[in-house]
PDB file of all heavy atoms in Angstrom:
ATOM      1  N   ALA A   1      25.179 -29.414   8.383  1.00  0.00           N
ATOM      2  CA  ALA A   1      24.672 -30.476   9.244  1.00  0.00           C
ATOM      3  C   ALA A   1      25.443 -31.757   8.935  1.00  0.00           C
ATOM      4  O   ALA A   1      25.922 -31.965   7.822  1.00  0.00           O
ATOM      5  CB  ALA A   1      23.181 -30.688   8.997  1.00  0.00           C
ATOM      6  N   ALA A   2      25.570 -32.600   9.933  1.00  0.00           N
ATOM      7  CA  ALA A   2      26.220 -33.892   9.722  1.00  0.00           C
ATOM      8  C   ALA A   2      25.375 -34.718   8.756  1.00  0.00           C
ATOM      9  O   ALA A   2      24.157 -34.541   8.681  1.00  0.00           O
ATOM     10  CB  ALA A   2      26.366 -34.616  11.057  1.00  0.00           C
ATOM     11  N   PRO A   3      26.001 -35.607   7.992  1.00  0.00           N
ATOM     12  CA  PRO A   3      25.228 -36.431   7.052  1.00  0.00           C
ATOM     13  C   PRO A   3      24.126 -37.202   7.780  1.00  0.00           C
ATOM     14  O   PRO A   3      24.371 -37.834   8.798  1.00  0.00           O
ATOM     15  CB  PRO A   3      26.268 -37.383   6.469  1.00  0.00           C
ATOM     16  CG  PRO A   3      27.572 -36.676   6.658  1.00  0.00           C
ATOM     17  CD  PRO A   3      27.428 -35.879   7.912  1.00  0.00           C
ATOM     18  N   GLY A   4      22.932 -37.085   7.276  1.00  0.00           N
ATOM     19  CA  GLY A   4      21.789 -37.781   7.859  1.00  0.00           C
ATOM     20  C   GLY A   4      21.149 -37.037   9.023  1.00  0.00           C
ATOM     21  O   GLY A   4      20.101 -37.426   9.509  1.00  0.00           O
ATOM     22  N   ALA A   5      21.747 -35.954   9.491  1.00  0.00           N
ATOM     23  CA  ALA A   5      21.188 -35.195  10.607  1.00  0.00           C
ATOM     24  C   ALA A   5      20.139 -34.219  10.094  1.00  0.00           C
ATOM     25  O   ALA A   5      20.257 -33.700   8.989  1.00  0.00           O
ATOM     26  CB  ALA A   5      22.282 -34.435  11.345  1.00  0.00           C
ATOM     27  N   ARG A   6      19.156 -33.981  10.902  1.00  0.00           N
ATOM     28  CA  ARG A   6      18.095 -33.041  10.529  1.00  0.00           C
ATOM     29  C   ARG A   6      18.514 -31.644  10.974  1.00  0.00           C
ATOM     30  O   ARG A   6      18.847 -31.421  12.129  1.00  0.00           O
ATOM     31  CB  ARG A   6      16.794 -33.433  11.206  1.00  0.00           C
ATOM     32  CG  ARG A   6      15.625 -32.596  10.777  1.00  0.00           C
ATOM     33  CD  ARG A   6      14.333 -33.126  11.421  1.00  0.00           C
ATOM     34  NE  ARG A   6      13.197 -32.409  10.946  1.00  0.00           N
ATOM     35  CZ  ARG A   6      12.819 -31.212  11.387  1.00  0.00           C
ATOM     36  NH1 ARG A   6      13.525 -30.597  12.300  1.00  0.00           N
ATOM     37  NH2 ARG A   6      11.739 -30.638  10.920  1.00  0.00           N
ATOM     38  N   ARG A   7      18.498 -30.700  10.057  1.00  0.00           N
ATOM     39  CA  ARG A   7      18.862 -29.318  10.377  1.00  0.00           C
ATOM     40  C   ARG A   7      17.627 -28.587  10.889  1.00  0.00           C
ATOM     41  O   ARG A   7      16.565 -28.653  10.308  1.00  0.00           O
ATOM     42  CB  ARG A   7      19.395 -28.630   9.130  1.00  0.00           C
ATOM     43  CG  ARG A   7      19.938 -27.249   9.415  1.00  0.00           C
ATOM     44  CD  ARG A   7      20.471 -26.621   8.179  1.00  0.00           C
ATOM     45  NE  ARG A   7      21.639 -27.354   7.724  1.00  0.00           N
ATOM     46  CZ  ARG A   7      22.273 -27.102   6.601  1.00  0.00           C
ATOM     47  NH1 ARG A   7      21.841 -26.144   5.815  1.00  0.00           N
ATOM     48  NH2 ARG A   7      23.322 -27.783   6.259  1.00  0.00           N
ATOM     49  N   GLU A   8      17.776 -27.883  11.986  1.00  0.00           N
ATOM     50  CA  GLU A   8      16.667 -27.122  12.564  1.00  0.00           C
ATOM     51  C   GLU A   8      16.476 -25.817  11.784  1.00  0.00           C
ATOM     52  O   GLU A   8      17.450 -25.172  11.421  1.00  0.00           O
ATOM     53  CB  GLU A   8      16.952 -26.797  14.030  1.00  0.00           C
ATOM     54  CG  GLU A   8      16.901 -28.002  14.941  1.00  0.00           C
ATOM     55  CD  GLU A   8      15.528 -28.622  15.012  1.00  0.00           C
ATOM     56  OE1 GLU A   8      14.526 -27.884  15.111  1.00  0.00           O
ATOM     57  OE2 GLU A   8      15.456 -29.857  14.936  1.00  0.00           O
ATOM     58  N   PRO A   9      15.238 -25.418  11.546  1.00  0.00           N
ATOM     59  CA  PRO A   9      15.012 -24.154  10.834  1.00  0.00           C
ATOM     60  C   PRO A   9      15.295 -22.959  11.744  1.00  0.00           C
ATOM     61  O   PRO A   9      15.162 -23.042  12.965  1.00  0.00           O
ATOM     62  CB  PRO A   9      13.531 -24.218  10.468  1.00  0.00           C
ATOM     63  CG  PRO A   9      12.924 -25.105  11.493  1.00  0.00           C
ATOM     64  CD  PRO A   9      13.998 -26.113  11.849  1.00  0.00           C
ATOM     65  N   ALA A  10      15.672 -21.840  11.132  1.00  0.00           N
ATOM     66  CA  ALA A  10      15.797 -20.596  11.886  1.00  0.00           C
ATOM     67  C   ALA A  10      14.407 -20.200  12.352  1.00  0.00           C
ATOM     68  O   ALA A  10      13.413 -20.474  11.679  1.00  0.00           O
ATOM     69  CB  ALA A  10      16.404 -19.514  11.004  1.00  0.00           C
ATOM     70  N   ARG A  11      14.332 -19.567  13.506  1.00  0.00           N
ATOM     71  CA  ARG A  11      13.026 -19.242  14.064  1.00  0.00           C
ATOM     72  C   ARG A  11      13.044 -17.837  14.651  1.00  0.00           C
ATOM     73  O   ARG A  11      13.988 -17.455  15.342  1.00  0.00           O
ATOM     74  CB  ARG A  11      12.664 -20.249  15.132  1.00  0.00           C
ATOM     75  CG  ARG A  11      11.244 -20.201  15.565  1.00  0.00           C
ATOM     76  CD  ARG A  11      10.954 -21.322  16.486  1.00  0.00           C
ATOM     77  NE  ARG A  11      11.490 -20.979  17.802  1.00  0.00           N
ATOM     78  CZ  ARG A  11      11.054 -21.488  18.933  1.00  0.00           C
ATOM     79  NH1 ARG A  11      10.133 -22.410  18.909  1.00  0.00           N
ATOM     80  NH2 ARG A  11      11.557 -21.122  20.065  1.00  0.00           N
ATOM     81  N   GLY A  12      12.026 -17.069  14.361  1.00  0.00           N
ATOM     82  CA  GLY A  12      11.834 -15.752  14.951  1.00  0.00           C
ATOM     83  C   GLY A  12      10.538 -15.766  15.737  1.00  0.00           C
ATOM     84  O   GLY A  12       9.519 -16.214  15.233  1.00  0.00           O
ATOM     85  N   VAL A  13      10.590 -15.320  16.983  1.00  0.00           N
ATOM     86  CA  VAL A  13       9.399 -15.346  17.833  1.00  0.00           C
ATOM     87  C   VAL A  13       9.029 -13.925  18.238  1.00  0.00           C
ATOM     88  O   VAL A  13       9.838 -12.998  18.162  1.00  0.00           O
ATOM     89  CB  VAL A  13       9.613 -16.212  19.098  1.00  0.00           C
ATOM     90  CG1 VAL A  13       9.852 -17.653  18.719  1.00  0.00           C
ATOM     91  CG2 VAL A  13      10.772 -15.682  19.921  1.00  0.00           C
ATOM     92  N   ALA A  14       7.808 -13.761  18.692  1.00  0.00           N
ATOM     93  CA  ALA A  14       7.323 -12.452  19.121  1.00  0.00           C
ATOM     94  C   ALA A  14       8.171 -11.948  20.289  1.00  0.00           C
ATOM     95  O   ALA A  14       8.245 -12.616  21.316  1.00  0.00           O
ATOM     96  CB  ALA A  14       5.860 -12.551  19.542  1.00  0.00           C
ATOM     97  N   PRO A  15       8.834 -10.797  20.133  1.00  0.00           N
ATOM     98  CA  PRO A  15       9.678 -10.309  21.220  1.00  0.00           C
ATOM     99  C   PRO A  15       8.901  -9.654  22.359  1.00  0.00           C
ATOM    100  O   PRO A  15       9.431  -9.484  23.451  1.00  0.00           O
ATOM    101  CB  PRO A  15      10.585  -9.288  20.527  1.00  0.00           C
ATOM    102  CG  PRO A  15       9.797  -8.809  19.363  1.00  0.00           C
ATOM    103  CD  PRO A  15       8.939  -9.966  18.946  1.00  0.00           C
ATOM    104  N   TYR A  16       7.647  -9.274  22.119  1.00  0.00           N
ATOM    105  CA  TYR A  16       6.847  -8.584  23.132  1.00  0.00           C
ATOM    106  C   TYR A  16       5.494  -9.253  23.262  1.00  0.00           C
ATOM    107  O   TYR A  16       4.957  -9.780  22.299  1.00  0.00           O
ATOM    108  CB  TYR A  16       6.627  -7.121  22.740  1.00  0.00           C
ATOM    109  CG  TYR A  16       7.893  -6.383  22.450  1.00  0.00           C
ATOM    110  CD1 TYR A  16       8.229  -6.038  21.146  1.00  0.00           C
ATOM    111  CD2 TYR A  16       8.767  -6.044  23.468  1.00  0.00           C
ATOM    112  CE1 TYR A  16       9.402  -5.363  20.869  1.00  0.00           C
ATOM    113  CE2 TYR A  16       9.945  -5.371  23.205  1.00  0.00           C
ATOM    114  CZ  TYR A  16      10.257  -5.040  21.910  1.00  0.00           C
ATOM    115  OH  TYR A  16      11.422  -4.383  21.639  1.00  0.00           O
ATOM    116  N   THR A  17       4.916  -9.193  24.432  1.00  0.00           N
ATOM    117  CA  THR A  17       3.556  -9.693  24.620  1.00  0.00           C
ATOM    118  C   THR A  17       2.580  -8.590  24.226  1.00  0.00           C
ATOM    119  O   THR A  17       2.912  -7.409  24.267  1.00  0.00           O
ATOM    120  CB  THR A  17       3.315 -10.109  26.081  1.00  0.00           C
ATOM    121  OG1 THR A  17       3.568  -8.981  26.919  1.00  0.00           O
ATOM    122  CG2 THR A  17       4.215 -11.261  26.482  1.00  0.00           C
ATOM    123  N   GLY A  18       1.402  -8.972  23.832  1.00  0.00           N
ATOM    124  CA  GLY A  18       0.382  -8.000  23.470  1.00  0.00           C
ATOM    125  C   GLY A  18       0.435  -7.522  22.031  1.00  0.00           C
ATOM    126  O   GLY A  18      -0.340  -6.665  21.644  1.00  0.00           O
ATOM    127  N   VAL A  19       1.346  -8.052  21.226  1.00  0.00           N
ATOM    128  CA  VAL A  19       1.437  -7.677  19.816  1.00  0.00           C
ATOM    129  C   VAL A  19       0.992  -8.867  18.977  1.00  0.00           C
ATOM    130  O   VAL A  19       1.572  -9.939  19.079  1.00  0.00           O
ATOM    131  CB  VAL A  19       2.874  -7.246  19.432  1.00  0.00           C
ATOM    132  CG1 VAL A  19       2.950  -6.927  17.952  1.00  0.00           C
ATOM    133  CG2 VAL A  19       3.319  -6.060  20.264  1.00  0.00           C
ATOM    134  N   ARG A  20      -0.054  -8.672  18.187  1.00  0.00           N
ATOM    135  CA  ARG A  20      -0.606  -9.740  17.347  1.00  0.00           C
ATOM    136  C   ARG A  20      -0.067  -9.641  15.934  1.00  0.00           C
ATOM    137  O   ARG A  20       0.178  -8.554  15.436  1.00  0.00           O
ATOM    138  CB  ARG A  20      -2.126  -9.650  17.272  1.00  0.00           C
ATOM    139  CG  ARG A  20      -2.834  -9.976  18.546  1.00  0.00           C
ATOM    140  CD  ARG A  20      -4.342 -10.015  18.348  1.00  0.00           C
ATOM    141  NE  ARG A  20      -4.775 -10.935  17.312  1.00  0.00           N
ATOM    142  CZ  ARG A  20      -4.887 -12.256  17.464  1.00  0.00           C
ATOM    143  NH1 ARG A  20      -4.573 -12.811  18.597  1.00  0.00           N
ATOM    144  NH2 ARG A  20      -5.305 -13.008  16.474  1.00  0.00           N
ATOM    145  N   LEU A  21       0.096 -10.789  15.292  1.00  0.00           N
ATOM    146  CA  LEU A  21       0.465 -10.842  13.876  1.00  0.00           C
ATOM    147  C   LEU A  21      -0.729 -11.365  13.106  1.00  0.00           C
ATOM    148  O   LEU A  21      -1.224 -12.455  13.381  1.00  0.00           O
ATOM    149  CB  LEU A  21       1.672 -11.759  13.655  1.00  0.00           C
ATOM    150  CG  LEU A  21       2.048 -12.027  12.203  1.00  0.00           C
ATOM    151  CD1 LEU A  21       2.549 -10.749  11.540  1.00  0.00           C
ATOM    152  CD2 LEU A  21       3.101 -13.100  12.112  1.00  0.00           C
ATOM    153  N   SER A  22      -1.200 -10.566  12.162  1.00  0.00           N
ATOM    154  CA  SER A  22      -2.272 -10.979  11.267  1.00  0.00           C
ATOM    155  C   SER A  22      -1.647 -11.244   9.910  1.00  0.00           C
ATOM    156  O   SER A  22      -0.796 -10.481   9.459  1.00  0.00           O
ATOM    157  CB  SER A  22      -3.320  -9.882  11.131  1.00  0.00           C
ATOM    158  OG  SER A  22      -3.830  -9.544  12.385  1.00  0.00           O
ATOM    159  N   LEU A  23      -2.055 -12.303   9.265  1.00  0.00           N
ATOM    160  CA  LEU A  23      -1.487 -12.693   7.979  1.00  0.00           C
ATOM    161  C   LEU A  23      -2.436 -12.337   6.858  1.00  0.00           C
ATOM    162  O   LEU A  23      -3.633 -12.517   6.971  1.00  0.00           O
ATOM    163  CB  LEU A  23      -1.242 -14.201   7.953  1.00  0.00           C
ATOM    164  CG  LEU A  23      -0.423 -14.765   9.104  1.00  0.00           C
ATOM    165  CD1 LEU A  23      -0.441 -16.276   9.045  1.00  0.00           C
ATOM    166  CD2 LEU A  23       0.984 -14.254   9.028  1.00  0.00           C
ATOM    167  N   SER A  24      -1.879 -11.841   5.774  1.00  0.00           N
ATOM    168  CA  SER A  24      -2.708 -11.565   4.616  1.00  0.00           C
ATOM    169  C   SER A  24      -2.463 -12.582   3.512  1.00  0.00           C
ATOM    170  O   SER A  24      -3.105 -12.568   2.494  1.00  0.00           O
ATOM    171  CB  SER A  24      -2.395 -10.178   4.069  1.00  0.00           C
ATOM    172  OG  SER A  24      -1.115 -10.182   3.507  1.00  0.00           O
ATOM    173  N   THR A  25      -1.485 -13.431   3.705  1.00  0.00           N
ATOM    174  CA  THR A  25      -1.159 -14.457   2.719  1.00  0.00           C
ATOM    175  C   THR A  25      -1.469 -15.814   3.323  1.00  0.00           C
ATOM    176  O   THR A  25      -1.969 -15.910   4.425  1.00  0.00           O
ATOM    177  CB  THR A  25       0.331 -14.384   2.329  1.00  0.00           C
ATOM    178  OG1 THR A  25       1.111 -14.565   3.504  1.00  0.00           O
ATOM    179  CG2 THR A  25       0.673 -13.042   1.718  1.00  0.00           C
ATOM    180  N   ALA A  26      -1.130 -16.843   2.633  1.00  0.00           N
ATOM    181  CA  ALA A  26      -1.398 -18.199   3.116  1.00  0.00           C
ATOM    182  C   ALA A  26      -0.452 -18.608   4.237  1.00  0.00           C
ATOM    183  O   ALA A  26      -0.401 -19.762   4.600  1.00  0.00           O
ATOM    184  CB  ALA A  26      -1.294 -19.182   1.958  1.00  0.00           C
ATOM    185  N   GLY A  27       0.312 -17.683   4.759  1.00  0.00           N
ATOM    186  CA  GLY A  27       1.220 -18.000   5.845  1.00  0.00           C
ATOM    187  C   GLY A  27       2.611 -18.375   5.380  1.00  0.00           C
ATOM    188  O   GLY A  27       3.431 -18.800   6.168  1.00  0.00           O
ATOM    189  N   GLU A  28       2.894 -18.210   4.081  1.00  0.00           N
ATOM    190  CA  GLU A  28       4.211 -18.550   3.560  1.00  0.00           C
ATOM    191  C   GLU A  28       4.719 -17.453   2.644  1.00  0.00           C
ATOM    192  O   GLU A  28       3.991 -16.934   1.821  1.00  0.00           O
ATOM    193  CB  GLU A  28       4.154 -19.865   2.789  1.00  0.00           C
ATOM    194  CG  GLU A  28       5.501 -20.283   2.247  1.00  0.00           C
ATOM    195  CD  GLU A  28       5.442 -21.614   1.529  1.00  0.00           C
ATOM    196  OE1 GLU A  28       5.281 -22.628   2.222  1.00  0.00           O
ATOM    197  OE2 GLU A  28       5.532 -21.618   0.307  1.00  0.00           O
ATOM    198  N   LEU A  29       5.973 -17.079   2.833  1.00  0.00           N
ATOM    199  CA  LEU A  29       6.648 -16.105   1.990  1.00  0.00           C
ATOM    200  C   LEU A  29       7.801 -16.826   1.328  1.00  0.00           C
ATOM    201  O   LEU A  29       8.591 -17.483   1.999  1.00  0.00           O
ATOM    202  CB  LEU A  29       7.154 -14.935   2.842  1.00  0.00           C
ATOM    203  CG  LEU A  29       8.039 -13.906   2.170  1.00  0.00           C
ATOM    204  CD1 LEU A  29       7.277 -13.184   1.068  1.00  0.00           C
ATOM    205  CD2 LEU A  29       8.536 -12.906   3.199  1.00  0.00           C
ATOM    206  N   SER A  30       7.903 -16.740   0.014  1.00  0.00           N
ATOM    207  CA  SER A  30       8.955 -17.426  -0.736  1.00  0.00           C
ATOM    208  C   SER A  30       9.962 -16.399  -1.241  1.00  0.00           C
ATOM    209  O   SER A  30       9.590 -15.408  -1.849  1.00  0.00           O
ATOM    210  CB  SER A  30       8.328 -18.183  -1.908  1.00  0.00           C
ATOM    211  OG  SER A  30       9.307 -18.853  -2.643  1.00  0.00           O
ATOM    212  N   LEU A  31      11.255 -16.628  -0.958  1.00  0.00           N
ATOM    213  CA  LEU A  31      12.328 -15.722  -1.362  1.00  0.00           C
ATOM    214  C   LEU A  31      13.212 -16.413  -2.381  1.00  0.00           C
ATOM    215  O   LEU A  31      13.607 -17.557  -2.184  1.00  0.00           O
ATOM    216  CB  LEU A  31      13.176 -15.324  -0.148  1.00  0.00           C
ATOM    217  CG  LEU A  31      12.410 -14.706   1.015  1.00  0.00           C
ATOM    218  CD1 LEU A  31      13.301 -14.610   2.239  1.00  0.00           C
ATOM    219  CD2 LEU A  31      11.890 -13.345   0.619  1.00  0.00           C
ATOM    220  N   GLY A  32      13.548 -15.711  -3.473  1.00  0.00           N
ATOM    221  CA  GLY A  32      14.385 -16.282  -4.526  1.00  0.00           C
ATOM    222  C   GLY A  32      15.853 -16.036  -4.282  1.00  0.00           C
ATOM    223  O   GLY A  32      16.236 -15.283  -3.395  1.00  0.00           O
ATOM    224  N   GLY A  33      16.705 -16.641  -5.074  1.00  0.00           N
ATOM    225  CA  GLY A  33      18.152 -16.561  -4.924  1.00  0.00           C
ATOM    226  C   GLY A  33      18.756 -15.273  -5.433  1.00  0.00           C
ATOM    227  O   GLY A  33      18.339 -14.186  -5.060  1.00  0.00           O
ATOM    228  N   ARG A  34      19.726 -15.380  -6.316  1.00  0.00           N
ATOM    229  CA  ARG A  34      20.478 -14.211  -6.768  1.00  0.00           C
ATOM    230  C   ARG A  34      19.649 -13.215  -7.554  1.00  0.00           C
ATOM    231  O   ARG A  34      20.042 -12.081  -7.715  1.00  0.00           O
ATOM    232  CB  ARG A  34      21.674 -14.660  -7.599  1.00  0.00           C
ATOM    233  CG  ARG A  34      22.701 -15.332  -6.757  1.00  0.00           C
ATOM    234  CD  ARG A  34      23.985 -15.558  -7.507  1.00  0.00           C
ATOM    235  NE  ARG A  34      24.890 -16.299  -6.665  1.00  0.00           N
ATOM    236  CZ  ARG A  34      25.610 -17.320  -7.061  1.00  0.00           C
ATOM    237  NH1 ARG A  34      25.554 -17.714  -8.316  1.00  0.00           N
ATOM    238  NH2 ARG A  34      26.406 -17.939  -6.226  1.00  0.00           N
ATOM    239  N   ARG A  35      18.537 -13.631  -8.068  1.00  0.00           N
ATOM    240  CA  ARG A  35      17.686 -12.694  -8.815  1.00  0.00           C
ATOM    241  C   ARG A  35      16.831 -11.838  -7.885  1.00  0.00           C
ATOM    242  O   ARG A  35      16.115 -10.955  -8.324  1.00  0.00           O
ATOM    243  CB  ARG A  35      16.802 -13.446  -9.791  1.00  0.00           C
ATOM    244  CG  ARG A  35      17.603 -14.227 -10.793  1.00  0.00           C
ATOM    245  CD  ARG A  35      17.027 -14.052 -12.159  1.00  0.00           C
ATOM    246  NE  ARG A  35      17.736 -14.878 -13.104  1.00  0.00           N
ATOM    247  CZ  ARG A  35      18.602 -14.396 -13.968  1.00  0.00           C
ATOM    248  NH1 ARG A  35      18.870 -13.129 -13.982  1.00  0.00           N
ATOM    249  NH2 ARG A  35      19.204 -15.198 -14.812  1.00  0.00           N
TER     250      ARG A  35
END
């Protein structure tokens, strides 16, 4: 991103209608680096 510009997050949306997503966590998944 250009200095001072806000980078937009990657986004995945529901590809089909009629499919619900139920969450079992607080709505956040954390992924670590090289480990």
